[in-house]
C-alpha atoms as a PDB file:
ATOM      1  CA  MET A   1      -0.040   6.631   6.223  1.00  0.00           C
ATOM      2  CA  MET A   2       2.015   4.552   8.663  1.00  0.00           C
ATOM      3  CA  ARG A   3       0.321   1.522  10.266  1.00  0.00           C
ATOM      4  CA  HIS A   4       1.914   0.382  13.536  1.00  0.00           C
ATOM      5  CA  VAL A   5       1.196  -3.126  14.850  1.00  0.00           C
ATOM      6  CA  LEU A   6       2.210  -4.491  18.231  1.00  0.00           C
ATOM      7  CA  LEU A   7       1.691  -8.125  19.222  1.00  0.00           C
ATOM      8  CA  PHE A   8       2.537  -9.102  22.779  1.00  0.00           C
ATOM      9  CA  SER A   9       2.159 -11.542  25.645  1.00  0.00           C
ATOM     10  CA  LEU A  10       2.529 -10.835  29.330  1.00  0.00           C
ATOM     11  CA  THR A  11       4.516 -12.840  31.841  1.00  0.00           C
ATOM     12  CA  PRO A  12       2.663 -15.718  33.513  1.00  0.00           C
ATOM     13  CA  SER A  13       3.188 -13.974  36.855  1.00  0.00           C
ATOM     14  CA  THR A  14       1.270 -10.871  35.746  1.00  0.00           C
ATOM     15  CA  GLY A  15      -1.784 -10.588  37.980  1.00  0.00           C
ATOM     16  CA  GLU A  16      -5.247  -9.760  36.690  1.00  0.00           C
ATOM     17  CA  ASP A  17      -5.215  -6.248  38.203  1.00  0.00           C
ATOM     18  CA  ASP A  18      -1.843  -5.428  36.613  1.00  0.00           C
ATOM     19  CA  ARG A  19      -2.932  -6.900  33.278  1.00  0.00           C
ATOM     20  CA  GLN A  20      -6.138  -4.866  33.182  1.00  0.00           C
ATOM     21  CA  ALA A  21      -4.382  -1.683  34.316  1.00  0.00           C
ATOM     22  CA  LEU A  22      -1.823  -2.054  31.515  1.00  0.00           C
ATOM     23  CA  LEU A  23      -4.519  -2.672  28.888  1.00  0.00           C
ATOM     24  CA  ASP A  24      -6.417   0.380  30.170  1.00  0.00           C
ATOM     25  CA  ASP A  25      -3.251   2.487  29.982  1.00  0.00           C
ATOM     26  CA  LEU A  26      -2.597   1.324  26.428  1.00  0.00           C
ATOM     27  CA  ALA A  27      -6.196   2.049  25.415  1.00  0.00           C
ATOM     28  CA  ALA A  28      -5.765   5.625  26.700  1.00  0.00           C
ATOM     29  CA  LEU A  29      -2.837   6.370  24.368  1.00  0.00           C
ATOM     30  CA  PRO A  30      -5.004   8.090  21.708  1.00  0.00           C
ATOM     31  CA  ILE A  31      -6.102  10.638  24.313  1.00  0.00           C
ATOM     32  CA  ARG A  32      -2.470  11.623  24.846  1.00  0.00           C
ATOM     33  CA  TYR A  33      -1.626  11.421  21.122  1.00  0.00           C
ATOM     34  CA  PRO A  34      -4.595  12.843  19.165  1.00  0.00           C
ATOM     35  CA  LYS A  35      -2.877  12.267  15.808  1.00  0.00           C
ATOM     36  CA  MET A  36      -3.038   8.517  16.529  1.00  0.00           C
ATOM     37  CA  ARG A  37      -5.844   7.134  14.360  1.00  0.00           C
ATOM     38  CA  ASP A  38      -7.977   3.999  14.227  1.00  0.00           C
ATOM     39  CA  PHE A  39      -6.605   2.631  17.510  1.00  0.00           C
ATOM     40  CA  GLN A  40      -7.595  -0.975  18.260  1.00  0.00           C
ATOM     41  CA  ILE A  41      -6.486  -3.343  21.006  1.00  0.00           C
ATOM     42  CA  GLY A  42      -7.751  -6.803  21.842  1.00  0.00           C
ATOM     43  CA  ARG A  43      -7.092 -10.348  22.973  1.00  0.00           C
ATOM     44  CA  ASN A  44      -5.905 -12.808  20.337  1.00  0.00           C
ATOM     45  CA  VAL A  45      -8.733 -15.210  19.487  1.00  0.00           C
ATOM     46  CA  SER A  46      -6.979 -16.953  16.580  1.00  0.00           C
ATOM     47  CA  ASP A  47      -7.359 -20.713  16.286  1.00  0.00           C
ATOM     48  CA  ARG A  48      -4.197 -20.840  14.168  1.00  0.00           C
ATOM     49  CA  ASP A  49      -1.560 -19.031  16.197  1.00  0.00           C
ATOM     50  CA  ASP A  50      -1.603 -18.272  19.909  1.00  0.00           C
ATOM     51  CA  ARG A  51       2.007 -17.135  20.272  1.00  0.00           C
ATOM     52  CA  PHE A  52       0.890 -13.638  21.278  1.00  0.00           C
ATOM     53  CA  ALA A  53      -2.010 -12.998  23.650  1.00  0.00           C
ATOM     54  CA  TYR A  54      -2.810  -9.437  22.502  1.00  0.00           C
ATOM     55  CA  GLY A  55      -2.691  -7.263  19.437  1.00  0.00           C
ATOM     56  CA  MET A  56      -2.704  -3.498  19.146  1.00  0.00           C
ATOM     57  CA  THR A  57      -2.772  -1.424  15.981  1.00  0.00           C
ATOM     58  CA  PHE A  58      -3.125   2.200  14.965  1.00  0.00           C
ATOM     59  CA  TYR A  59      -1.876   4.586  12.336  1.00  0.00           C
ATOM     60  CA  PHE A  60      -0.477   8.044  11.907  1.00  0.00           C
ATOM     61  CA  ASP A  61      -0.956  10.020   8.710  1.00  0.00           C
ATOM     62  CA  GLU A  62       2.744  10.858   8.470  1.00  0.00           C
ATOM     63  CA  LYS A  63       5.928   9.020   9.382  1.00  0.00           C
ATOM     64  CA  ALA A  64       7.105  12.098  11.316  1.00  0.00           C
ATOM     65  CA  GLU A  65       4.020  11.837  13.559  1.00  0.00           C
ATOM     66  CA  LEU A  66       4.752   8.175  14.286  1.00  0.00           C
ATOM     67  CA  ASN A  67       8.398   8.960  15.017  1.00  0.00           C
ATOM     68  CA  ALA A  68       7.396  11.805  17.346  1.00  0.00           C
ATOM     69  CA  TYR A  69       5.213   9.350  19.274  1.00  0.00           C
ATOM     70  CA  LEU A  70       7.847   6.600  19.387  1.00  0.00           C
ATOM     71  CA  THR A  71      10.606   8.939  20.579  1.00  0.00           C
ATOM     72  CA  SER A  72       8.501  10.973  23.003  1.00  0.00           C
ATOM     73  CA  GLU A  73       9.607  11.045  26.629  1.00  0.00           C
ATOM     74  CA  PHE A  74       6.232   9.676  27.726  1.00  0.00           C
ATOM     75  CA  HIS A  75       6.397   6.694  25.341  1.00  0.00           C
ATOM     76  CA  GLU A  76       9.982   5.860  26.268  1.00  0.00           C
ATOM     77  CA  ARG A  77       9.189   6.007  30.005  1.00  0.00           C
ATOM     78  CA  PHE A  78       5.922   4.065  29.604  1.00  0.00           C
ATOM     79  CA  VAL A  79       7.639   1.249  27.725  1.00  0.00           C
ATOM     80  CA  ARG A  80      10.528   1.094  30.181  1.00  0.00           C
ATOM     81  CA  GLU A  81       8.560   1.402  33.433  1.00  0.00           C
ATOM     82  CA  ARG A  82       5.059   0.004  32.711  1.00  0.00           C
ATOM     83  CA  PHE A  83       5.226  -2.276  29.685  1.00  0.00           C
ATOM     84  CA  GLN A  84       8.573  -4.071  29.777  1.00  0.00           C
ATOM     85  CA  PRO A  85       8.288  -5.278  33.413  1.00  0.00           C
ATOM     86  CA  LEU A  86       5.144  -7.247  32.471  1.00  0.00           C
ATOM     87  CA  LEU A  87       6.250  -8.271  28.994  1.00  0.00           C
ATOM     88  CA  ALA A  88       7.021 -11.888  28.106  1.00  0.00           C
ATOM     89  CA  GLU A  89       7.328 -11.430  24.344  1.00  0.00           C
ATOM     90  CA  ARG A  90       6.524  -8.886  21.669  1.00  0.00           C
ATOM     91  CA  SER A  91       6.723  -8.234  17.970  1.00  0.00           C
ATOM     92  CA  ILE A  92       6.391  -4.863  16.274  1.00  0.00           C
ATOM     93  CA  VAL A  93       5.701  -4.172  12.619  1.00  0.00           C
ATOM     94  CA  THR A  94       5.279  -0.775  10.997  1.00  0.00           C
ATOM     95  CA  PHE A  95       4.402  -0.430   7.351  1.00  0.00           C
ATOM     96  CA  GLU A  96       3.301   2.232   4.944  1.00  0.00           C
ATOM     97  CA  VAL A  97      -0.268   1.959   3.684  1.00  0.00           C
ATOM     98  CA  GLN A  98      -0.814   3.411   0.230  1.00  0.00           C
ATOM     99  CA  GLY A  99      -3.888   5.284  -0.897  1.00  0.00           C
ATOM    100  CA  ARG A 100      -5.820   5.593   2.359  1.00  0.00           C
ATOM    101  CA  ARG A 101      -6.507   8.845   4.170  1.00  0.00           C
END
């Protein structure tokens, strides 16, 4: 199983309507990619580290499924046209989780 984690913050100039529309679009990803599992997205409420405002995580059973998502035309266009224009900073981590199905 491949766990994919995205931490991000939006630009200070991002308006509330644009912010909410982006979060709604991100939350709809599992509808487009039904092999995406255990999708979660939320605002960072940590008292220890506020570098990133949001976190998003999900997994795919197989690395090939994750790669198909990451290299899909929709994902590439979404990142380029919807996500990056509002993005201040991001960090991505993907790791293999053993023994869970």
